[in-house]
């Protein structure tokens, strides 16, 4: 979840996809650790299989989201043109007035 949040906050789809890939990899790591926990007797088979199934589904959802973003025309927030700041426009006008003198 933290990787997804960090990727989103980066503001661009390519970085977001990169962090989604890391999160997807983490799902695989959790499944691996569940196999270890099952082998060591820390969890019973039903619990381990249920958790592995949930993580497989989560991995598929992340993958589909990544594919959606790859096909999207939207590039991310950091690629949007900034909204003009009225105060900055006023300052620019004043500055231009002084420069003309």
PDB file of N, CA and C in Angstrom:
ATOM      1  N   UNK A   1       0.824  -1.185   0.000  1.00  0.00           N
ATOM      2  CA  UNK A   1       0.000   0.000   0.000  1.00  0.00           C
ATOM      3  C   UNK A   1       0.875   1.258   0.000  1.00  0.00           C
ATOM      4  N   UNK A   2       1.975   1.230   0.729  1.00  0.00           N
ATOM      5  CA  UNK A   2       2.861   2.394   0.783  1.00  0.00           C
ATOM      6  C   UNK A   2       3.500   2.664  -0.574  1.00  0.00           C
ATOM      7  N   UNK A   3       3.879   1.619  -1.290  1.00  0.00           N
ATOM      8  CA  UNK A   3       4.459   1.810  -2.619  1.00  0.00           C
ATOM      9  C   UNK A   3       3.458   2.455  -3.563  1.00  0.00           C
ATOM     10  N   UNK A   4       2.212   2.045  -3.487  1.00  0.00           N
ATOM     11  CA  UNK A   4       1.176   2.614  -4.352  1.00  0.00           C
ATOM     12  C   UNK A   4       0.975   4.091  -4.016  1.00  0.00           C
ATOM     13  N   UNK A   5       0.928   4.401  -2.723  1.00  0.00           N
ATOM     14  CA  UNK A   5       0.751   5.794  -2.305  1.00  0.00           C
ATOM     15  C   UNK A   5       1.938   6.650  -2.753  1.00  0.00           C
ATOM     16  N   UNK A   6       3.149   6.136  -2.578  1.00  0.00           N
ATOM     17  CA  UNK A   6       4.328   6.904  -2.977  1.00  0.00           C
ATOM     18  C   UNK A   6       4.352   7.120  -4.484  1.00  0.00           C
ATOM     19  N   UNK A   7       4.031   6.093  -5.244  1.00  0.00           N
ATOM     20  CA  UNK A   7       4.000   6.227  -6.699  1.00  0.00           C
ATOM     21  C   UNK A   7       2.974   7.239  -7.157  1.00  0.00           C
ATOM     22  N   UNK A   8       1.815   7.230  -6.530  1.00  0.00           N
ATOM     23  CA  UNK A   8       0.762   8.183  -6.890  1.00  0.00           C
ATOM     24  C   UNK A   8       1.207   9.610  -6.615  1.00  0.00           C
ATOM     25  N   UNK A   9       1.851   9.804  -5.491  1.00  0.00           N
ATOM     26  CA  UNK A   9       2.287  11.151  -5.103  1.00  0.00           C
ATOM     27  C   UNK A   9       3.385  11.700  -5.995  1.00  0.00           C
ATOM     28  N   UNK A  10       4.054  10.854  -6.754  1.00  0.00           N
ATOM     29  CA  UNK A  10       5.099  11.323  -7.667  1.00  0.00           C
ATOM     30  C   UNK A  10       4.508  12.165  -8.788  1.00  0.00           C
ATOM     31  N   UNK A  11       3.227  11.975  -9.089  1.00  0.00           N
ATOM     32  CA  UNK A  11       2.542  12.859 -10.025  1.00  0.00           C
ATOM     33  C   UNK A  11       2.605  12.478 -11.491  1.00  0.00           C
ATOM     34  N   UNK A  12       3.314  11.413 -11.834  1.00  0.00           N
ATOM     35  CA  UNK A  12       3.391  11.002 -13.232  1.00  0.00           C
ATOM     36  C   UNK A  12       3.054   9.540 -13.398  1.00  0.00           C
ATOM     37  N   UNK A  13       2.409   9.198 -14.500  1.00  0.00           N
ATOM     38  CA  UNK A  13       1.991   7.820 -14.718  1.00  0.00           C
ATOM     39  C   UNK A  13       3.154   6.840 -14.770  1.00  0.00           C
ATOM     40  N   UNK A  14       4.249   7.219 -15.420  1.00  0.00           N
ATOM     41  CA  UNK A  14       5.364   6.277 -15.545  1.00  0.00           C
ATOM     42  C   UNK A  14       5.931   5.906 -14.175  1.00  0.00           C
ATOM     43  N   UNK A  15       6.091   6.890 -13.320  1.00  0.00           N
ATOM     44  CA  UNK A  15       6.573   6.595 -11.966  1.00  0.00           C
ATOM     45  C   UNK A  15       5.529   5.809 -11.184  1.00  0.00           C
ATOM     46  N   UNK A  16       4.261   6.162 -11.377  1.00  0.00           N
ATOM     47  CA  UNK A  16       3.193   5.443 -10.691  1.00  0.00           C
ATOM     48  C   UNK A  16       3.214   3.974 -11.104  1.00  0.00           C
ATOM     49  N   UNK A  17       3.362   3.712 -12.402  1.00  0.00           N
ATOM     50  CA  UNK A  17       3.417   2.330 -12.892  1.00  0.00           C
ATOM     51  C   UNK A  17       4.615   1.608 -12.287  1.00  0.00           C
ATOM     52  N   UNK A  18       5.742   2.292 -12.185  1.00  0.00           N
ATOM     53  CA  UNK A  18       6.935   1.691 -11.591  1.00  0.00           C
ATOM     54  C   UNK A  18       6.666   1.263 -10.146  1.00  0.00           C
ATOM     55  N   UNK A  19       6.021   2.117  -9.376  1.00  0.00           N
ATOM     56  CA  UNK A  19       5.748   1.784  -7.986  1.00  0.00           C
ATOM     57  C   UNK A  19       4.643   0.731  -7.862  1.00  0.00           C
ATOM     58  N   UNK A  20       3.716   0.709  -8.816  1.00  0.00           N
ATOM     59  CA  UNK A  20       2.732  -0.368  -8.838  1.00  0.00           C
ATOM     60  C   UNK A  20       3.431  -1.705  -9.085  1.00  0.00           C
ATOM     61  N   UNK A  21       4.445  -1.708  -9.951  1.00  0.00           N
ATOM     62  CA  UNK A  21       5.203  -2.929 -10.208  1.00  0.00           C
ATOM     63  C   UNK A  21       5.909  -3.402  -8.936  1.00  0.00           C
ATOM     64  N   UNK A  22       6.410  -2.466  -8.157  1.00  0.00           N
ATOM     65  CA  UNK A  22       7.050  -2.832  -6.882  1.00  0.00           C
ATOM     66  C   UNK A  22       6.009  -3.435  -5.942  1.00  0.00           C
ATOM     67  N   UNK A  23       4.826  -2.829  -5.891  1.00  0.00           N
ATOM     68  CA  UNK A  23       3.751  -3.348  -5.034  1.00  0.00           C
ATOM     69  C   UNK A  23       3.329  -4.738  -5.490  1.00  0.00           C
ATOM     70  N   UNK A  24       3.266  -4.949  -6.800  1.00  0.00           N
ATOM     71  CA  UNK A  24       2.915  -6.262  -7.352  1.00  0.00           C
ATOM     72  C   UNK A  24       3.973  -7.289  -6.949  1.00  0.00           C
ATOM     73  N   UNK A  25       5.242  -6.885  -7.012  1.00  0.00           N
ATOM     74  CA  UNK A  25       6.312  -7.770  -6.569  1.00  0.00           C
ATOM     75  C   UNK A  25       6.192  -8.112  -5.090  1.00  0.00           C
ATOM     76  N   UNK A  26       5.736  -7.159  -4.299  1.00  0.00           N
ATOM     77  CA  UNK A  26       5.544  -7.405  -2.869  1.00  0.00           C
ATOM     78  C   UNK A  26       4.462  -8.446  -2.628  1.00  0.00           C
ATOM     79  N   UNK A  27       3.460  -8.474  -3.503  1.00  0.00           N
ATOM     80  CA  UNK A  27       2.427  -9.514  -3.385  1.00  0.00           C
ATOM     81  C   UNK A  27       3.052 -10.896  -3.558  1.00  0.00           C
ATOM     82  N   UNK A  28       3.972 -11.006  -4.513  1.00  0.00           N
ATOM     83  CA  UNK A  28       4.679 -12.270  -4.711  1.00  0.00           C
ATOM     84  C   UNK A  28       5.525 -12.636  -3.511  1.00  0.00           C
ATOM     85  N   UNK A  29       6.157 -11.641  -2.913  1.00  0.00           N
ATOM     86  CA  UNK A  29       6.959 -11.895  -1.713  1.00  0.00           C
ATOM     87  C   UNK A  29       6.098 -12.408  -0.563  1.00  0.00           C
ATOM     88  N   UNK A  30       4.925 -11.819  -0.394  1.00  0.00           N
ATOM     89  CA  UNK A  30       4.024 -12.258   0.680  1.00  0.00           C
ATOM     90  C   UNK A  30       3.611 -13.710   0.448  1.00  0.00           C
ATOM     91  N   UNK A  31       3.292 -14.048  -0.808  1.00  0.00           N
ATOM     92  CA  UNK A  31       2.919 -15.434  -1.102  1.00  0.00           C
ATOM     93  C   UNK A  31       4.079 -16.385  -0.781  1.00  0.00           C
ATOM     94  N   UNK A  32       5.285 -15.970  -1.109  1.00  0.00           N
ATOM     95  CA  UNK A  32       6.464 -16.777  -0.801  1.00  0.00           C
ATOM     96  C   UNK A  32       6.601 -16.982   0.707  1.00  0.00           C
ATOM     97  N   UNK A  33       6.430 -15.899   1.455  1.00  0.00           N
ATOM     98  CA  UNK A  33       6.542 -16.004   2.913  1.00  0.00           C
ATOM     99  C   UNK A  33       5.423 -16.862   3.504  1.00  0.00           C
ATOM    100  N   UNK A  34       4.267 -16.857   2.858  1.00  0.00           N
ATOM    101  CA  UNK A  34       3.176 -17.721   3.325  1.00  0.00           C
ATOM    102  C   UNK A  34       3.529 -19.196   3.135  1.00  0.00           C
ATOM    103  N   UNK A  35       4.219 -19.515   2.042  1.00  0.00           N
ATOM    104  CA  UNK A  35       4.682 -20.902   1.853  1.00  0.00           C
ATOM    105  C   UNK A  35       5.655 -21.291   2.953  1.00  0.00           C
ATOM    106  N   UNK A  36       6.548 -20.387   3.309  1.00  0.00           N
ATOM    107  CA  UNK A  36       7.499 -20.655   4.394  1.00  0.00           C
ATOM    108  C   UNK A  36       6.743 -20.847   5.710  1.00  0.00           C
ATOM    109  N   UNK A  37       5.796 -19.946   5.986  1.00  0.00           N
ATOM    110  CA  UNK A  37       5.019 -20.038   7.230  1.00  0.00           C
ATOM    111  C   UNK A  37       4.231 -21.341   7.283  1.00  0.00           C
ATOM    112  N   UNK A  38       3.706 -21.771   6.146  1.00  0.00           N
ATOM    113  CA  UNK A  38       2.972 -23.042   6.078  1.00  0.00           C
ATOM    114  C   UNK A  38       3.918 -24.211   6.340  1.00  0.00           C
ATOM    115  N   UNK A  39       5.087 -24.205   5.677  1.00  0.00           N
ATOM    116  CA  UNK A  39       6.066 -25.276   5.868  1.00  0.00           C
ATOM    117  C   UNK A  39       6.555 -25.369   7.303  1.00  0.00           C
ATOM    118  N   UNK A  40       6.681 -24.226   7.956  1.00  0.00           N
ATOM    119  CA  UNK A  40       7.175 -24.203   9.337  1.00  0.00           C
ATOM    120  C   UNK A  40       6.076 -24.439  10.369  1.00  0.00           C
ATOM    121  N   UNK A  41       4.826 -24.519   9.908  1.00  0.00           N
ATOM    122  CA  UNK A  41       3.708 -24.781  10.820  1.00  0.00           C
ATOM    123  C   UNK A  41       3.198 -23.556  11.548  1.00  0.00           C
ATOM    124  N   UNK A  42       3.554 -22.349  11.077  1.00  0.00           N
ATOM    125  CA  UNK A  42       3.082 -21.131  11.726  1.00  0.00           C
ATOM    126  C   UNK A  42       1.619 -20.833  11.398  1.00  0.00           C
ATOM    127  N   UNK A  43       1.155 -21.284  10.238  1.00  0.00           N
ATOM    128  CA  UNK A  43      -0.246 -21.131   9.837  1.00  0.00           C
ATOM    129  C   UNK A  43      -0.742 -22.460   9.286  1.00  0.00           C
ATOM    130  N   UNK A  44      -2.045 -22.663   9.400  1.00  0.00           N
ATOM    131  CA  UNK A  44      -2.582 -23.910   8.840  1.00  0.00           C
ATOM    132  C   UNK A  44      -2.858 -23.732   7.345  1.00  0.00           C
ATOM    133  N   UNK A  45      -3.060 -24.818   6.647  1.00  0.00           N
ATOM    134  CA  UNK A  45      -3.212 -24.815   5.192  1.00  0.00           C
ATOM    135  C   UNK A  45      -4.366 -23.935   4.732  1.00  0.00           C
ATOM    136  N   UNK A  46      -5.508 -23.992   5.409  1.00  0.00           N
ATOM    137  CA  UNK A  46      -6.677 -23.213   4.985  1.00  0.00           C
ATOM    138  C   UNK A  46      -6.404 -21.713   5.039  1.00  0.00           C
ATOM    139  N   UNK A  47      -5.780 -21.285   6.119  1.00  0.00           N
ATOM    140  CA  UNK A  47      -5.467 -19.862   6.268  1.00  0.00           C
ATOM    141  C   UNK A  47      -4.445 -19.439   5.205  1.00  0.00           C
ATOM    142  N   UNK A  48      -3.400 -20.241   5.044  1.00  0.00           N
ATOM    143  CA  UNK A  48      -2.358 -19.913   4.066  1.00  0.00           C
ATOM    144  C   UNK A  48      -2.931 -19.853   2.656  1.00  0.00           C
ATOM    145  N   UNK A  49      -3.733 -20.832   2.290  1.00  0.00           N
ATOM    146  CA  UNK A  49      -4.296 -20.848   0.937  1.00  0.00           C
ATOM    147  C   UNK A  49      -5.241 -19.677   0.707  1.00  0.00           C
ATOM    148  N   UNK A  50      -6.018 -19.323   1.724  1.00  0.00           N
ATOM    149  CA  UNK A  50      -6.928 -18.176   1.588  1.00  0.00           C
ATOM    150  C   UNK A  50      -6.136 -16.889   1.381  1.00  0.00           C
ATOM    151  N   UNK A  51      -5.080 -16.713   2.161  1.00  0.00           N
ATOM    152  CA  UNK A  51      -4.254 -15.512   2.023  1.00  0.00           C
ATOM    153  C   UNK A  51      -3.509 -15.493   0.689  1.00  0.00           C
ATOM    154  N   UNK A  52      -3.013 -16.645   0.260  1.00  0.00           N
ATOM    155  CA  UNK A  52      -2.332 -16.712  -1.044  1.00  0.00           C
ATOM    156  C   UNK A  52      -3.295 -16.372  -2.173  1.00  0.00           C
ATOM    157  N   UNK A  53      -4.522 -16.874  -2.065  1.00  0.00           N
ATOM    158  CA  UNK A  53      -5.527 -16.573  -3.088  1.00  0.00           C
ATOM    159  C   UNK A  53      -5.841 -15.078  -3.122  1.00  0.00           C
ATOM    160  N   UNK A  54      -5.970 -14.454  -1.956  1.00  0.00           N
ATOM    161  CA  UNK A  54      -6.233 -13.015  -1.901  1.00  0.00           C
ATOM    162  C   UNK A  54      -5.089 -12.229  -2.535  1.00  0.00           C
ATOM    163  N   UNK A  55      -3.860 -12.648  -2.281  1.00  0.00           N
ATOM    164  CA  UNK A  55      -2.714 -11.936  -2.839  1.00  0.00           C
ATOM    165  C   UNK A  55      -2.571 -12.172  -4.340  1.00  0.00           C
ATOM    166  N   UNK A  56      -2.977 -13.337  -4.823  1.00  0.00           N
ATOM    167  CA  UNK A  56      -2.986 -13.565  -6.275  1.00  0.00           C
ATOM    168  C   UNK A  56      -3.993 -12.632  -6.941  1.00  0.00           C
ATOM    169  N   UNK A  57      -5.177 -12.508  -6.335  1.00  0.00           N
ATOM    170  CA  UNK A  57      -6.204 -11.611  -6.880  1.00  0.00           C
ATOM    171  C   UNK A  57      -5.728 -10.164  -6.843  1.00  0.00           C
ATOM    172  N   UNK A  58      -5.087  -9.765  -5.760  1.00  0.00           N
ATOM    173  CA  UNK A  58      -4.566  -8.405  -5.646  1.00  0.00           C
ATOM    174  C   UNK A  58      -3.500  -8.143  -6.713  1.00  0.00           C
ATOM    175  N   UNK A  59      -2.640  -9.111  -6.944  1.00  0.00           N
ATOM    176  CA  UNK A  59      -1.613  -8.991  -7.967  1.00  0.00           C
ATOM    177  C   UNK A  59      -2.235  -8.800  -9.351  1.00  0.00           C
ATOM    178  N   UNK A  60      -3.293  -9.532  -9.630  1.00  0.00           N
ATOM    179  CA  UNK A  60      -4.003  -9.397 -10.914  1.00  0.00           C
ATOM    180  C   UNK A  60      -4.627  -8.007 -11.025  1.00  0.00           C
ATOM    181  N   UNK A  61      -5.223  -7.514  -9.955  1.00  0.00           N
ATOM    182  CA  UNK A  61      -5.831  -6.180  -9.982  1.00  0.00           C
ATOM    183  C   UNK A  61      -4.774  -5.101 -10.224  1.00  0.00           C
ATOM    184  N   UNK A  62      -3.627  -5.233  -9.572  1.00  0.00           N
ATOM    185  CA  UNK A  62      -2.556  -4.254  -9.776  1.00  0.00           C
ATOM    186  C   UNK A  62      -2.088  -4.303 -11.226  1.00  0.00           C
ATOM    187  N   UNK A  63      -1.923  -5.513 -11.763  1.00  0.00           N
ATOM    188  CA  UNK A  63      -1.499  -5.663 -13.157  1.00  0.00           C
ATOM    189  C   UNK A  63      -2.495  -4.994 -14.111  1.00  0.00           C
ATOM    190  N   UNK A  64      -3.770  -5.230 -13.901  1.00  0.00           N
ATOM    191  CA  UNK A  64      -4.790  -4.632 -14.771  1.00  0.00           C
ATOM    192  C   UNK A  64      -4.786  -3.103 -14.652  1.00  0.00           C
ATOM    193  N   UNK A  65      -4.547  -2.596 -13.462  1.00  0.00           N
ATOM    194  CA  UNK A  65      -4.467  -1.151 -13.269  1.00  0.00           C
ATOM    195  C   UNK A  65      -3.254  -0.597 -14.016  1.00  0.00           C
ATOM    196  N   UNK A  66      -2.120  -1.300 -13.946  1.00  0.00           N
ATOM    197  CA  UNK A  66      -0.928  -0.881 -14.677  1.00  0.00           C
ATOM    198  C   UNK A  66      -1.207  -0.837 -16.180  1.00  0.00           C
ATOM    199  N   UNK A  67      -1.879  -1.847 -16.693  1.00  0.00           N
ATOM    200  CA  UNK A  67      -2.200  -1.888 -18.120  1.00  0.00           C
ATOM    201  C   UNK A  67      -3.134  -0.738 -18.497  1.00  0.00           C
ATOM    202  N   UNK A  68      -4.078  -0.437 -17.617  1.00  0.00           N
ATOM    203  CA  UNK A  68      -4.986   0.688 -17.855  1.00  0.00           C
ATOM    204  C   UNK A  68      -4.191   1.994 -17.959  1.00  0.00           C
ATOM    205  N   UNK A  69      -3.268   2.203 -17.019  1.00  0.00           N
ATOM    206  CA  UNK A  69      -2.475   3.434 -17.027  1.00  0.00           C
ATOM    207  C   UNK A  69      -1.585   3.519 -18.263  1.00  0.00           C
ATOM    208  N   UNK A  70      -1.048   2.395 -18.700  1.00  0.00           N
ATOM    209  CA  UNK A  70      -0.187   2.386 -19.887  1.00  0.00           C
ATOM    210  C   UNK A  70      -0.961   2.818 -21.130  1.00  0.00           C
ATOM    211  N   UNK A  71      -2.245   2.478 -21.191  1.00  0.00           N
ATOM    212  CA  UNK A  71      -3.060   2.835 -22.345  1.00  0.00           C
ATOM    213  C   UNK A  71      -3.755   4.171 -22.227  1.00  0.00           C
ATOM    214  N   UNK A  72      -3.589   4.832 -21.101  1.00  0.00           N
ATOM    215  CA  UNK A  72      -4.269   6.093 -20.856  1.00  0.00           C
ATOM    216  C   UNK A  72      -3.540   7.255 -21.519  1.00  0.00           C
ATOM    217  N   UNK A  73      -4.306   8.228 -22.012  1.00  0.00           N
ATOM    218  CA  UNK A  73      -3.705   9.446 -22.559  1.00  0.00           C
ATOM    219  C   UNK A  73      -3.278  10.391 -21.453  1.00  0.00           C
ATOM    220  N   UNK A  74      -3.836  10.227 -20.265  1.00  0.00           N
ATOM    221  CA  UNK A  74      -3.511  11.079 -19.123  1.00  0.00           C
ATOM    222  C   UNK A  74      -2.105  10.731 -18.626  1.00  0.00           C
ATOM    223  N   UNK A  75      -1.216  11.697 -18.570  1.00  0.00           N
ATOM    224  CA  UNK A  75       0.178  11.447 -18.203  1.00  0.00           C
ATOM    225  C   UNK A  75       0.464  11.635 -16.715  1.00  0.00           C
ATOM    226  N   UNK A  76      -0.473  12.240 -15.992  1.00  0.00           N
ATOM    227  CA  UNK A  76      -0.250  12.479 -14.568  1.00  0.00           C
ATOM    228  C   UNK A  76      -0.320  13.961 -14.248  1.00  0.00           C
ATOM    229  N   UNK A  77      -0.488  14.251 -12.974  1.00  0.00           N
ATOM    230  CA  UNK A  77      -0.676  15.629 -12.509  1.00  0.00           C
ATOM    231  C   UNK A  77       0.508  16.531 -12.815  1.00  0.00           C
ATOM    232  N   UNK A  78       1.721  15.986 -12.716  1.00  0.00           N
ATOM    233  CA  UNK A  78       2.867  16.878 -12.896  1.00  0.00           C
ATOM    234  C   UNK A  78       3.048  17.316 -14.338  1.00  0.00           C
ATOM    235  N   UNK A  79       2.309  16.712 -15.270  1.00  0.00           N
ATOM    236  CA  UNK A  79       2.408  17.105 -16.671  1.00  0.00           C
ATOM    237  C   UNK A  79       1.292  18.050 -17.104  1.00  0.00           C
ATOM    238  N   UNK A  80       0.408  18.393 -16.184  1.00  0.00           N
ATOM    239  CA  UNK A  80      -0.637  19.365 -16.493  1.00  0.00           C
ATOM    240  C   UNK A  80      -0.050  20.772 -16.426  1.00  0.00           C
ATOM    241  N   UNK A  81      -0.517  21.619 -17.308  1.00  0.00           N
ATOM    242  CA  UNK A  81      -0.070  23.014 -17.279  1.00  0.00           C
ATOM    243  C   UNK A  81      -0.567  23.659 -15.990  1.00  0.00           C
ATOM    244  N   UNK A  82       0.292  24.419 -15.313  1.00  0.00           N
ATOM    245  CA  UNK A  82      -0.145  25.059 -14.069  1.00  0.00           C
ATOM    246  C   UNK A  82      -1.194  26.128 -14.354  1.00  0.00           C
ATOM    247  N   UNK A  83      -2.097  26.281 -13.406  1.00  0.00           N
ATOM    248  CA  UNK A  83      -3.115  27.322 -13.525  1.00  0.00           C
ATOM    249  C   UNK A  83      -2.448  28.677 -13.309  1.00  0.00           C
ATOM    250  N   UNK A  84      -2.817  29.666 -14.102  1.00  0.00           N
ATOM    251  CA  UNK A  84      -2.198  30.979 -13.926  1.00  0.00           C
ATOM    252  C   UNK A  84      -2.565  31.570 -12.561  1.00  0.00           C
ATOM    253  N   UNK A  85      -1.592  32.155 -11.924  1.00  0.00           N
ATOM    254  CA  UNK A  85      -1.786  32.790 -10.622  1.00  0.00           C
ATOM    255  C   UNK A  85      -2.072  34.271 -10.865  1.00  0.00           C
ATOM    256  N   UNK A  86      -3.275  34.751 -10.486  1.00  0.00           N
ATOM    257  CA  UNK A  86      -3.609  36.159 -10.745  1.00  0.00           C
ATOM    258  C   UNK A  86      -2.624  37.132 -10.089  1.00  0.00           C
ATOM    259  N   UNK A  87      -2.097  36.792  -8.936  1.00  0.00           N
ATOM    260  CA  UNK A  87      -1.136  37.668  -8.255  1.00  0.00           C
ATOM    261  C   UNK A  87       0.160  37.741  -9.051  1.00  0.00           C
ATOM    262  N   UNK A  88       0.567  36.622  -9.615  1.00  0.00           N
ATOM    263  CA  UNK A  88       1.777  36.609 -10.417  1.00  0.00           C
ATOM    264  C   UNK A  88       1.582  37.414 -11.696  1.00  0.00           C
ATOM    265  N   UNK A  89       0.422  37.330 -12.292  1.00  0.00           N
ATOM    266  CA  UNK A  89       0.130  38.115 -13.500  1.00  0.00           C
ATOM    267  C   UNK A  89       0.178  39.606 -13.174  1.00  0.00           C
ATOM    268  N   UNK A  90      -0.352  39.992 -12.018  1.00  0.00           N
ATOM    269  CA  UNK A  90      -0.318  41.402 -11.600  1.00  0.00           C
ATOM    270  C   UNK A  90       1.128  41.851 -11.384  1.00  0.00           C
ATOM    271  N   UNK A  91       1.909  41.002 -10.757  1.00  0.00           N
ATOM    272  CA  UNK A  91       3.324  41.321 -10.533  1.00  0.00           C
ATOM    273  C   UNK A  91       4.064  41.464 -11.863  1.00  0.00           C
ATOM    274  N   UNK A  92       3.813  40.545 -12.795  1.00  0.00           N
ATOM    275  CA  UNK A  92       4.444  40.620 -14.117  1.00  0.00           C
ATOM    276  C   UNK A  92       4.087  41.924 -14.831  1.00  0.00           C
ATOM    277  N   UNK A  93       2.837  42.334 -14.713  1.00  0.00           N
ATOM    278  CA  UNK A  93       2.407  43.590 -15.350  1.00  0.00           C
ATOM    279  C   UNK A  93       3.135  44.786 -14.733  1.00  0.00           C
ATOM    280  N   UNK A  94       3.252  44.804 -13.403  1.00  0.00           N
ATOM    281  CA  UNK A  94       3.998  45.867 -12.738  1.00  0.00           C
ATOM    282  C   UNK A  94       5.458  45.873 -13.173  1.00  0.00           C
ATOM    283  N   UNK A  95       6.043  44.698 -13.224  1.00  0.00           N
ATOM    284  CA  UNK A  95       7.448  44.579 -13.620  1.00  0.00           C
ATOM    285  C   UNK A  95       7.660  45.071 -15.061  1.00  0.00           C
ATOM    286  N   UNK A  96       6.767  44.703 -15.943  1.00  0.00           N
ATOM    287  CA  UNK A  96       6.868  45.165 -17.325  1.00  0.00           C
ATOM    288  C   UNK A  96       6.750  46.684 -17.414  1.00  0.00           C
ATOM    289  N   UNK A  97       5.887  47.262 -16.557  1.00  0.00           N
ATOM    290  CA  UNK A  97       5.756  48.726 -16.513  1.00  0.00           C
ATOM    291  C   UNK A  97       7.041  49.395 -16.095  1.00  0.00           C
ATOM    292  N   UNK A  98       7.712  48.836 -15.119  1.00  0.00           N
ATOM    293  CA  UNK A  98       8.982  49.406 -14.661  1.00  0.00           C
ATOM    294  C   UNK A  98      10.076  49.220 -15.697  1.00  0.00           C
ATOM    295  N   UNK A  99      10.063  48.113 -16.392  1.00  0.00           N
ATOM    296  CA  UNK A  99      11.095  47.855 -17.401  1.00  0.00           C
ATOM    297  C   UNK A  99      10.969  48.765 -18.602  1.00  0.00           C
ATOM    298  N   UNK A 100       9.750  49.238 -18.893  1.00  0.00           N
ATOM    299  CA  UNK A 100       9.532  50.123 -20.024  1.00  0.00           C
ATOM    300  C   UNK A 100      10.051  51.533 -19.746  1.00  0.00           C
ATOM    301  N   UNK A 101      10.211  51.864 -18.480  1.00  0.00           N
ATOM    302  CA  UNK A 101      10.655  53.231 -18.115  1.00  0.00           C
ATOM    303  C   UNK A 101      12.090  53.465 -18.434  1.00  0.00           C
TER     304      UNK A 101
END
